[in-house]
Protein backbone atom coordinates (compact mmCIF):
# COMPACT_ATOMS: atom_id res chain seq x y z
CA MET A 1 -157.74 77.67 -110.69
CA GLU A 2 -155.33 80.57 -111.09
CA ALA A 3 -157.18 81.76 -114.18
CA LEU A 4 -160.44 81.79 -112.21
CA ILE A 5 -158.85 84.05 -109.60
CA ASP A 6 -157.15 86.38 -112.11
CA ASP A 7 -159.46 89.34 -112.83
CA SER A 8 -157.66 90.07 -116.10
CA VAL A 9 -158.82 86.69 -117.48
CA SER A 10 -162.44 86.63 -118.65
CA VAL A 11 -162.50 83.44 -120.74
CA ILE A 12 -160.96 80.07 -119.88
CA GLY A 13 -160.87 77.08 -122.21
CA VAL A 14 -160.58 73.41 -121.27
CA HIS A 15 -160.12 71.04 -124.19
CA ALA A 16 -159.33 67.37 -124.41
CA MET A 17 -160.62 64.22 -126.00
CA GLY A 18 -164.15 63.06 -125.33
CA GLY A 19 -164.54 60.86 -122.28
CA ILE A 20 -161.39 62.09 -120.60
CA GLY A 21 -163.26 63.87 -117.79
CA LYS A 22 -163.58 67.54 -118.79
CA THR A 23 -167.18 67.80 -117.65
CA THR A 24 -166.46 66.04 -114.36
CA LEU A 25 -163.47 68.30 -113.73
CA VAL A 26 -165.40 71.47 -114.53
CA LYS A 27 -168.36 70.43 -112.35
CA GLU A 28 -166.00 69.79 -109.45
CA ILE A 29 -164.32 73.17 -109.97
CA ALA A 30 -167.75 74.84 -110.14
CA ARG A 31 -168.75 73.17 -106.88
CA LYS A 32 -165.57 74.36 -105.15
CA VAL A 33 -165.74 77.99 -106.32
CA LYS A 34 -169.46 78.58 -105.79
CA GLY A 35 -169.91 80.82 -102.78
CA LYS A 36 -166.16 81.44 -102.54
CA LEU A 37 -164.81 82.95 -105.76
CA PHE A 38 -168.23 83.31 -107.40
CA ASP A 39 -171.66 84.15 -106.05
CA SER A 40 -173.31 82.16 -108.82
CA VAL A 41 -172.23 79.36 -111.14
CA VAL A 42 -174.30 78.28 -114.14
CA ILE A 43 -173.52 75.34 -116.42
CA ALA A 44 -175.14 74.91 -119.82
CA THR A 45 -174.40 72.01 -122.15
CA VAL A 46 -173.98 73.06 -125.78
CA THR A 47 -173.65 69.69 -127.65
CA GLN A 48 -173.11 69.05 -131.34
CA ALA A 49 -176.39 70.61 -132.46
CA ILE A 50 -176.01 74.15 -131.13
CA ASP A 51 -179.33 75.60 -129.99
CA ILE A 52 -178.84 79.17 -128.77
CA GLY A 53 -182.37 79.31 -127.32
CA LYS A 54 -181.79 76.17 -125.21
CA ILE A 55 -178.49 77.55 -123.91
CA GLN A 56 -180.16 80.85 -123.02
CA ASN A 57 -183.08 79.09 -121.31
CA ARG A 58 -180.75 76.88 -119.27
CA ILE A 59 -178.70 79.85 -118.05
CA ALA A 60 -181.89 81.76 -117.21
CA GLU A 61 -183.35 78.74 -115.39
CA LEU A 62 -180.23 78.37 -113.24
CA LEU A 63 -180.44 82.06 -112.37
CA GLY A 64 -184.08 81.64 -111.38
CA LEU A 65 -185.44 83.51 -114.40
CA LYS A 66 -188.10 82.63 -116.92
CA PHE A 67 -188.19 84.13 -120.39
CA GLU A 68 -191.54 85.14 -121.80
CA GLU A 69 -189.78 86.22 -124.99
CA GLN A 70 -189.28 83.76 -127.82
CA SER A 71 -186.73 85.72 -129.82
CA THR A 72 -183.13 84.69 -129.14
CA HIS A 73 -182.09 88.29 -129.81
CA VAL A 74 -184.35 89.65 -127.06
CA LYS A 75 -183.28 86.85 -124.71
CA ALA A 76 -179.63 87.72 -125.38
CA LEU A 77 -180.20 91.38 -124.52
CA ARG A 78 -181.99 90.45 -121.31
CA LEU A 79 -179.40 87.85 -120.29
CA ARG A 80 -176.54 90.27 -120.94
CA GLU A 81 -178.15 92.88 -118.68
CA ILE A 82 -178.78 90.34 -115.92
CA LEU A 83 -175.27 88.86 -116.10
CA LYS A 84 -173.69 92.33 -116.04
CA LYS A 85 -175.51 93.04 -112.76
CA GLU A 86 -174.12 89.92 -111.09
CA GLU A 87 -171.21 90.70 -108.78
CA ARG A 88 -169.23 87.51 -109.50
CA ILE A 89 -170.64 84.81 -111.79
CA LEU A 90 -169.05 81.86 -113.56
CA VAL A 91 -170.79 80.78 -116.76
CA VAL A 92 -169.76 77.35 -118.02
CA LEU A 93 -170.54 76.29 -121.59
CA ASP A 94 -169.83 72.57 -121.69
CA ASP A 95 -169.30 70.20 -124.62
CA ILE A 96 -168.78 72.74 -127.41
CA TRP A 97 -168.30 71.10 -130.81
CA ALA A 98 -168.25 74.18 -133.02
CA LYS A 99 -167.97 77.95 -132.78
CA VAL A 100 -170.60 79.47 -130.50
CA ASP A 101 -171.41 83.16 -130.83
CA ILE A 102 -171.14 84.22 -127.19
CA GLU A 103 -172.69 87.58 -127.98
CA GLU A 104 -175.69 85.86 -129.55
CA VAL A 105 -176.15 83.85 -126.35
CA GLY A 106 -176.06 87.05 -124.28
CA ILE A 107 -172.89 86.52 -122.27
CA PRO A 108 -171.07 89.81 -121.63
CA LEU A 109 -167.41 89.86 -122.64
CA GLY A 110 -164.68 92.42 -123.10
CA ASP A 111 -165.10 95.68 -121.21
CA GLU A 112 -168.69 94.90 -120.31
CA HIS A 113 -168.01 91.54 -118.64
CA LYS A 114 -167.47 93.06 -115.20
CA GLY A 115 -167.82 90.10 -112.78
CA CYS A 116 -168.77 87.53 -115.41
CA LYS A 117 -166.20 84.85 -116.22
CA LEU A 118 -166.71 82.28 -118.99
CA LEU A 119 -165.39 78.71 -118.87
CA LEU A 120 -165.64 76.62 -122.05
CA THR A 121 -165.09 72.89 -122.54
CA SER A 122 -164.50 71.39 -125.94
CA ARG A 123 -163.22 68.31 -127.66
CA GLU A 124 -161.03 68.48 -130.73
CA LEU A 125 -161.43 66.16 -133.67
CA ASN A 126 -158.32 64.19 -134.53
CA GLU A 127 -156.62 65.47 -131.40
CA ALA A 128 -155.12 62.07 -130.57
CA TRP A 129 -153.55 61.82 -134.00
CA ASP A 130 -152.30 65.41 -133.87
CA LEU A 131 -150.74 64.83 -130.45
CA PHE A 132 -149.15 61.61 -131.66
CA LYS A 133 -147.63 63.38 -134.68
CA LYS A 134 -146.22 66.15 -132.48
CA ALA A 135 -144.72 63.77 -129.94
CA GLY A 136 -143.54 61.22 -132.50
CA ASP A 137 -142.05 63.85 -134.80
CA CYS A 138 -141.37 61.59 -137.78
CA VAL A 139 -144.65 59.81 -138.46
CA GLU A 140 -145.35 61.40 -141.85
CA SER A 141 -141.80 61.45 -143.20
CA PHE A 142 -140.92 57.78 -142.84
CA GLY A 143 -144.12 56.17 -144.07
CA LEU A 144 -145.06 55.07 -140.59
CA LYS A 145 -148.60 56.42 -140.72
CA PRO A 146 -150.56 53.10 -140.81
CA THR A 147 -148.51 51.61 -137.98
CA ALA A 148 -148.50 54.86 -136.01
CA THR A 149 -152.28 55.08 -136.35
CA GLU A 150 -152.60 51.59 -134.84
CA VAL A 151 -150.26 52.49 -131.98
CA ALA A 152 -152.28 55.68 -131.32
CA LYS A 153 -155.50 53.61 -131.18
CA LYS A 154 -153.91 51.25 -128.65
CA CYS A 155 -153.27 54.28 -126.42
CA ALA A 156 -157.07 54.59 -126.10
CA GLY A 157 -156.95 58.30 -126.86
CA LEU A 158 -155.27 59.13 -123.55
CA PRO A 159 -152.96 62.13 -124.03
CA ILE A 160 -150.35 61.03 -121.49
CA ALA A 161 -150.14 57.55 -123.05
CA ILE A 162 -149.91 58.97 -126.56
CA ALA A 163 -147.20 61.48 -125.65
CA THR A 164 -145.19 58.84 -123.77
CA VAL A 165 -145.39 56.14 -126.45
CA ALA A 166 -144.87 58.50 -129.38
CA GLY A 167 -141.91 60.12 -127.64
CA ALA A 168 -140.37 56.71 -126.92
CA LEU A 169 -140.78 55.63 -130.55
CA ARG A 170 -139.30 58.81 -132.01
CA ASN A 171 -136.39 57.99 -134.33
CA LYS A 172 -137.09 54.25 -134.11
CA ARG A 173 -137.30 51.92 -137.12
CA LEU A 174 -140.54 50.53 -138.55
CA PHE A 175 -140.16 47.06 -136.99
CA GLU A 176 -139.84 48.69 -133.54
CA TRP A 177 -143.07 50.64 -134.17
CA LYS A 178 -144.83 47.42 -135.19
CA ASN A 179 -143.74 45.73 -131.96
CA ALA A 180 -144.93 48.62 -129.78
């Protein structure tokens, strides 16, 4: 919430494993800040197959606009102008799987962002395994990878469970890992 209040912050990222509740969290935040911190809040879902036109149309629809233009370039120019005129607006791009060209969408950033703040949600591939390796510290060096992978799976991808279990197993012998 602090980042939403801070005028020097124009982009905020929320990332975690799929199914952990990022979208629910962001929707709840959006509900709380609409009319208080922001005059308008728009949420567009990006998904795995990025479709710039769909994202643009969704943002426009939520702002009460309809594009006659078909070109994503023209839509981007128009969206940018509209968003720059908004006093305080939160634009949420949810479920990003790959790099999205924000400029191509038409979201103003940098010096031109004025009252526009961008909130992004994303999942990271192999994040559970990466977290486990960081918390466990010795997974690769002691040939524990197959057992550690099984332990990570048993944590159901939950970051707190992974960090706790991996931290507890740090510097333990293989048979202790197998009994985890």
